[in-house]
């Protein structure tokens, strides 16, 4: 082979090698780019800012130990669990610590705010640090109630029959708004009776004992309450209006919940029910079911309403 032909072949081989090298580098670069895109997409899917992460964060709900609020809180807990929230905790406290807890961010929300009257003092104290989300129950009355066989009909008549009541008005937790209203009623009506504090269970136990013996008793009570289904009761008239007009029950959230947990906040905006709804849960609890079991029964029996709250209608 001549030197000229040898040199020519070398040049051709070099050109082919260069072309193969360029093609190889191009394919390698394309592969890296594709993998890079996959990495970006994966990062977006698992980003802490994504909606999925909201369901893994704990949710903490505060409530007061009133029968209706026990029912309401257990139901919303199970609704959130059905919606996919992994850890939903409920914590029972008195009214004052409840409002302070939501205001301070200790609780994400509560469905237990009786406004504008029963919890007026707490609302005035903490409202600038609370988010009023939605009314969840309308037409909620508070006052003094007696068995229907009691022959007086007004708070003004209590003094004249105070001996039959043993000089006592049976109340609930001392921090409750209805207890503050009752203190006001004692002052406004000049009642010569003692307001006995305790809790909801003790109050209804005293009422049951009185009704079973057909004795006279006056208690702090509110609607809805299973006691009105169990016994024939009546509210005493309140001509001075110390207990105010009917309240509503409101859902209150901590400031910032809407931005941090938008899906949860959306559920709270849709959470509304009726006296019949809540009364069904309360009666099951009174008849011996645990609050958790009674709430589960209601949730199972009302899928359309639950799906509406969750946003799956």
Protein backbone atom coordinates (compact mmCIF):
# COMPACT_ATOMS: atom_id res chain seq x y z
CA UNK A 1 0.00 0.00 0.00
CA UNK A 2 1.33 3.44 -0.89
CA UNK A 3 1.86 6.10 1.72
CA UNK A 4 -0.83 8.26 0.05
CA UNK A 5 -3.51 5.58 0.29
CA UNK A 6 -2.56 4.82 3.89
CA UNK A 7 -2.89 8.45 4.86
CA UNK A 8 -6.25 8.70 3.05
CA UNK A 9 -7.66 5.71 4.96
CA UNK A 10 -6.52 7.16 8.23
CA UNK A 11 -8.37 10.40 7.49
CA UNK A 12 -11.60 8.51 6.59
CA UNK A 13 -11.42 6.46 9.82
CA UNK A 14 -10.89 9.61 11.87
CA UNK A 15 -13.92 11.27 10.32
CA UNK A 16 -16.11 8.24 11.07
CA UNK A 17 -14.84 8.12 14.67
CA UNK A 18 -15.55 11.82 15.14
CA UNK A 19 -19.10 11.41 13.83
CA UNK A 20 -19.74 8.46 16.18
CA UNK A 21 -18.35 10.44 19.10
CA UNK A 22 -20.68 13.39 18.38
CA UNK A 23 -23.73 11.09 18.11
CA UNK A 24 -22.82 9.36 21.35
CA UNK A 25 -22.41 12.60 23.25
CA UNK A 26 -25.75 13.86 21.89
CA UNK A 27 -27.59 10.74 23.06
CA UNK A 28 -25.90 10.90 26.47
CA UNK A 29 -26.89 14.54 26.91
CA UNK A 30 -30.51 13.76 25.96
CA UNK A 31 -30.61 10.95 28.50
CA UNK A 32 -29.29 13.20 31.24
CA UNK A 33 -31.87 15.83 30.39
CA UNK A 34 -34.70 13.27 30.54
CA UNK A 35 -33.50 11.99 33.90
CA UNK A 36 -33.21 15.55 35.12
CA UNK A 37 -36.83 16.19 34.17
CA UNK A 38 -37.92 13.07 36.04
CA UNK A 39 -36.06 14.26 39.12
CA UNK A 40 -37.76 17.64 39.01
CA UNK A 41 -41.18 16.07 38.64
CA UNK A 42 -40.50 13.74 41.55
CA UNK A 43 -39.35 16.63 43.72
CA UNK A 44 -42.56 18.48 43.00
CA UNK A 45 -44.68 15.44 43.93
CA UNK A 46 -43.03 15.09 47.34
CA UNK A 47 -42.54 18.78 48.08
CA UNK A 48 -43.59 19.83 51.61
CA UNK A 49 -45.62 22.56 49.99
CA UNK A 50 -47.79 20.07 48.12
CA UNK A 51 -51.37 19.36 49.25
CA UNK A 52 -50.55 15.78 50.22
CA UNK A 53 -48.35 16.93 53.10
CA UNK A 54 -51.33 18.65 54.78
CA UNK A 55 -52.89 15.26 55.51
CA UNK A 56 -49.76 14.07 57.32
CA UNK A 57 -49.65 17.03 59.69
CA UNK A 58 -51.40 16.66 63.07
CA UNK A 59 -54.76 18.37 63.60
CA UNK A 60 -55.70 19.43 67.12
CA UNK A 61 -59.31 20.29 68.03
CA UNK A 62 -60.43 21.91 71.28
CA UNK A 63 -63.91 21.54 72.75
CA UNK A 64 -65.96 22.00 75.92
CA UNK A 65 -67.54 19.08 77.77
CA UNK A 66 -71.13 19.89 76.87
CA UNK A 67 -73.09 16.96 75.49
CA UNK A 68 -73.68 18.68 72.17
CA UNK A 69 -70.05 19.69 71.78
CA UNK A 70 -68.87 16.19 72.65
CA UNK A 71 -71.11 14.95 69.83
CA UNK A 72 -70.03 17.65 67.39
CA UNK A 73 -66.31 17.26 68.05
CA UNK A 74 -66.31 13.47 67.77
CA UNK A 75 -68.20 13.68 64.49
CA UNK A 76 -65.84 16.24 62.92
CA UNK A 77 -62.86 14.19 64.13
CA UNK A 78 -64.13 11.13 62.28
CA UNK A 79 -65.04 13.17 59.21
CA UNK A 80 -61.46 14.48 59.01
CA UNK A 81 -60.09 10.96 59.43
CA UNK A 82 -62.36 9.78 56.60
CA UNK A 83 -61.06 12.70 54.51
CA UNK A 84 -57.52 11.34 54.93
CA UNK A 85 -55.98 13.18 57.89
CA UNK A 86 -53.57 10.83 59.64
CA UNK A 87 -53.60 12.25 63.18
CA UNK A 88 -56.64 14.11 64.54
CA UNK A 89 -56.57 14.81 68.28
CA UNK A 90 -59.45 16.20 70.36
CA UNK A 91 -58.82 17.92 73.70
CA UNK A 92 -61.50 18.85 76.25
CA UNK A 93 -61.01 22.09 78.19
CA UNK A 94 -63.12 24.74 79.90
CA UNK A 95 -64.43 27.66 77.84
CA UNK A 96 -61.73 30.16 78.84
CA UNK A 97 -58.78 27.91 77.99
CA UNK A 98 -60.58 26.87 74.78
CA UNK A 99 -60.68 30.40 73.40
CA UNK A 100 -57.17 31.17 74.58
CA UNK A 101 -55.92 27.89 73.09
CA UNK A 102 -57.33 28.68 69.64
CA UNK A 103 -56.07 32.27 69.84
CA UNK A 104 -52.57 31.09 70.81
CA UNK A 105 -52.48 28.41 68.12
CA UNK A 106 -52.52 25.52 70.59
CA UNK A 107 -55.68 24.29 68.82
CA UNK A 108 -56.27 24.42 65.09
CA UNK A 109 -59.98 25.02 65.59
CA UNK A 110 -63.08 24.39 67.67
CA UNK A 111 -66.70 23.73 66.70
CA UNK A 112 -67.85 24.71 70.23
CA UNK A 113 -68.24 28.51 70.19
CA UNK A 114 -71.67 29.62 71.48
CA UNK A 115 -72.19 33.15 70.20
CA UNK A 116 -73.09 35.94 70.44
CA UNK A 117 -74.31 35.60 74.04
CA UNK A 118 -73.08 32.57 75.97
CA UNK A 119 -69.40 33.06 75.12
CA UNK A 120 -69.62 36.82 74.65
CA UNK A 121 -66.92 37.57 77.24
CA UNK A 122 -64.42 35.21 75.61
CA UNK A 123 -65.19 36.53 72.14
CA UNK A 124 -64.61 40.10 73.29
CA UNK A 125 -61.30 39.07 74.84
CA UNK A 126 -59.87 36.98 72.00
CA UNK A 127 -61.76 37.88 68.80
CA UNK A 128 -58.85 39.84 67.27
CA UNK A 129 -56.83 36.60 67.30
CA UNK A 130 -59.55 34.27 66.03
CA UNK A 131 -60.87 33.40 62.58
CA UNK A 132 -64.67 33.08 62.49
CA UNK A 133 -65.09 30.31 59.91
CA UNK A 134 -68.75 29.29 59.78
CA UNK A 135 -71.94 28.82 61.82
CA UNK A 136 -72.39 25.08 62.22
CA UNK A 137 -75.69 25.02 64.22
CA UNK A 138 -78.51 27.56 64.47
CA UNK A 139 -81.14 28.34 67.13
CA UNK A 140 -79.37 27.37 70.36
CA UNK A 141 -81.10 28.57 73.53
CA UNK A 142 -79.79 28.69 77.10
CA UNK A 143 -81.59 29.40 80.36
CA UNK A 144 -82.98 27.93 83.56
CA UNK A 145 -85.14 24.84 83.13
CA UNK A 146 -87.49 22.93 85.44
CA UNK A 147 -89.66 19.82 85.13
CA UNK A 148 -93.01 20.68 83.56
CA UNK A 149 -94.90 19.73 86.75
CA UNK A 150 -93.25 22.67 88.56
CA UNK A 151 -96.01 25.28 88.87
CA UNK A 152 -93.94 28.44 88.38
CA UNK A 153 -93.16 29.71 84.89
CA UNK A 154 -90.74 32.63 85.35
CA UNK A 155 -87.36 33.32 86.92
CA UNK A 156 -89.09 36.13 88.80
CA UNK A 157 -91.05 33.51 90.78
CA UNK A 158 -88.07 31.54 92.04
CA UNK A 159 -87.69 33.39 95.35
CA UNK A 160 -91.30 32.70 96.29
CA UNK A 161 -90.66 28.94 96.02
CA UNK A 162 -86.98 28.77 96.92
CA UNK A 163 -87.54 26.23 99.72
CA UNK A 164 -88.98 23.71 97.24
CA UNK A 165 -85.75 24.06 95.26
CA UNK A 166 -83.64 23.72 98.43
CA UNK A 167 -82.35 27.22 97.68
CA UNK A 168 -80.18 25.91 94.85
CA UNK A 169 -79.78 26.33 91.10
CA UNK A 170 -77.84 23.34 89.80
CA UNK A 171 -75.21 24.43 87.30
CA UNK A 172 -72.29 23.03 85.34
CA UNK A 173 -68.59 23.94 85.00
CA UNK A 174 -67.80 27.27 86.70
CA UNK A 175 -66.10 28.71 83.59
CA UNK A 176 -69.03 28.07 81.25
CA UNK A 177 -70.81 31.03 79.67
CA UNK A 178 -74.18 29.81 80.93
CA UNK A 179 -72.81 30.02 84.48
CA UNK A 180 -71.79 33.63 83.96
CA UNK A 181 -75.27 34.37 82.59
CA UNK A 182 -76.76 32.66 85.64
CA UNK A 183 -74.68 34.83 87.98
CA UNK A 184 -76.07 37.82 86.13
CA UNK A 185 -79.61 36.47 86.48
CA UNK A 186 -79.17 36.01 90.24
CA UNK A 187 -78.07 39.64 90.50
CA UNK A 188 -80.69 41.10 88.14
CA UNK A 189 -83.60 39.23 89.71
CA UNK A 190 -82.30 39.49 93.27
CA UNK A 191 -82.49 35.72 93.69
CA UNK A 192 -81.86 34.36 97.16
CA UNK A 193 -80.51 31.11 95.78
CA UNK A 194 -77.07 29.52 95.45
CA UNK A 195 -75.65 28.66 92.04
CA UNK A 196 -74.03 25.25 92.49
CA UNK A 197 -71.18 24.53 90.06
CA UNK A 198 -70.17 21.06 88.93
CA UNK A 199 -70.34 19.58 85.44
CA UNK A 200 -72.90 18.53 82.86
CA UNK A 201 -73.08 14.95 84.12
CA UNK A 202 -73.69 16.02 87.70
CA UNK A 203 -76.36 18.47 86.59
CA UNK A 204 -78.33 15.88 84.61
CA UNK A 205 -77.92 13.35 87.44
CA UNK A 206 -79.51 15.85 89.85
CA UNK A 207 -82.29 16.49 87.36
CA UNK A 208 -82.95 12.78 86.92
CA UNK A 209 -83.09 12.25 90.67
CA UNK A 210 -85.62 15.09 91.04
CA UNK A 211 -87.82 13.90 88.17
CA UNK A 212 -87.80 10.30 89.41
CA UNK A 213 -89.06 11.55 92.80
CA UNK A 214 -91.29 14.28 91.31
CA UNK A 215 -89.39 16.83 93.34
CA UNK A 216 -88.68 20.41 92.30
CA UNK A 217 -85.34 21.27 90.71
CA UNK A 218 -84.02 24.12 88.60
CA UNK A 219 -80.95 23.63 86.40
CA UNK A 220 -78.89 25.51 83.87
CA UNK A 221 -79.75 23.97 80.50
CA UNK A 222 -79.45 24.57 76.80
CA UNK A 223 -80.88 23.40 73.49
CA UNK A 224 -80.16 21.10 71.81
CA UNK A 225 -79.87 18.69 74.73
CA UNK A 226 -80.99 15.10 75.08
CA UNK A 227 -82.67 15.94 78.42
CA UNK A 228 -85.59 17.51 76.56
CA UNK A 229 -86.18 14.19 74.79
CA UNK A 230 -85.80 12.17 77.96
CA UNK A 231 -87.99 14.25 80.29
CA UNK A 232 -90.84 16.75 80.04
CA UNK A 233 -89.08 20.03 80.79
CA UNK A 234 -89.66 23.73 80.28
CA UNK A 235 -87.59 26.89 80.34
CA UNK A 236 -88.49 29.53 82.89
CA UNK A 237 -89.40 32.84 81.25
CA UNK A 238 -86.64 35.45 81.38
CA UNK A 239 -88.37 38.84 81.12
CA UNK A 240 -85.15 40.75 81.85
CA UNK A 241 -83.37 38.97 79.02
CA UNK A 242 -80.36 37.97 81.11
CA UNK A 243 -79.79 34.85 79.01
CA UNK A 244 -80.12 36.71 75.73
CA UNK A 245 -81.77 35.54 72.55
CA UNK A 246 -80.94 32.25 70.92
CA UNK A 247 -77.28 31.63 70.18
CA UNK A 248 -75.70 29.87 67.26
CA UNK A 249 -72.75 27.50 67.48
CA UNK A 250 -69.77 28.69 65.48
CA UNK A 251 -66.57 27.12 64.18
CA UNK A 252 -63.53 29.21 65.13
CA UNK A 253 -60.01 28.64 63.81
CA UNK A 254 -56.57 29.91 64.64
CA UNK A 255 -55.21 32.69 62.45
CA UNK A 256 -53.27 31.20 59.55
CA UNK A 257 -55.11 27.88 59.31
CA UNK A 258 -56.69 28.78 55.96
CA UNK A 259 -53.27 29.32 54.36
CA UNK A 260 -51.50 26.40 56.05
CA UNK A 261 -54.23 23.76 55.71
CA UNK A 262 -56.57 24.93 52.94
CA UNK A 263 -58.28 21.57 52.46
CA UNK A 264 -59.09 21.31 56.17
CA UNK A 265 -60.32 24.89 56.17
CA UNK A 266 -62.60 24.11 53.24
CA UNK A 267 -64.18 21.25 55.18
CA UNK A 268 -64.83 23.57 58.11
CA UNK A 269 -66.56 26.11 55.86
CA UNK A 270 -68.99 23.36 54.77
CA UNK A 271 -69.56 21.80 58.21
CA UNK A 272 -73.18 22.64 59.09
CA UNK A 273 -75.89 20.42 60.57
CA UNK A 274 -79.26 20.48 62.35
CA UNK A 275 -80.69 19.87 65.81
CA UNK A 276 -81.98 16.51 64.62
CA UNK A 277 -78.48 15.54 63.48
CA UNK A 278 -76.73 16.42 66.70
CA UNK A 279 -79.56 15.15 68.87
CA UNK A 280 -79.26 11.69 67.29
CA UNK A 281 -75.61 11.48 68.39
CA UNK A 282 -76.38 12.85 71.86
CA UNK A 283 -79.18 10.35 72.46
CA UNK A 284 -76.99 7.41 71.45
CA UNK A 285 -74.35 8.56 73.94
CA UNK A 286 -76.96 8.98 76.67
CA UNK A 287 -78.26 5.49 75.90
CA UNK A 288 -74.86 3.97 76.59
CA UNK A 289 -72.76 4.26 73.44
CA UNK A 290 -69.33 5.82 73.64
CA UNK A 291 -69.03 9.22 71.92
CA UNK A 292 -66.71 7.60 69.36
CA UNK A 293 -69.20 4.84 68.56
CA UNK A 294 -72.16 7.25 68.41
CA UNK A 295 -70.23 9.54 66.06
CA UNK A 296 -69.20 6.58 63.87
CA UNK A 297 -72.84 5.47 63.65
CA UNK A 298 -73.97 8.93 62.57
CA UNK A 299 -71.17 9.26 60.00
CA UNK A 300 -72.04 5.85 58.55
CA UNK A 301 -75.74 6.71 58.38
CA UNK A 302 -75.22 10.10 56.71
CA UNK A 303 -72.78 9.55 53.82
CA UNK A 304 -74.26 12.26 51.61
CA UNK A 305 -73.82 14.98 54.22
CA UNK A 306 -70.34 13.75 55.15
CA UNK A 307 -69.27 13.68 51.49
CA UNK A 308 -70.64 17.20 51.07
CA UNK A 309 -68.50 18.41 53.97
CA UNK A 310 -65.42 16.65 52.64
CA UNK A 311 -66.05 18.07 49.17
CA UNK A 312 -66.75 14.77 47.39
CA UNK A 313 -70.39 15.39 46.50
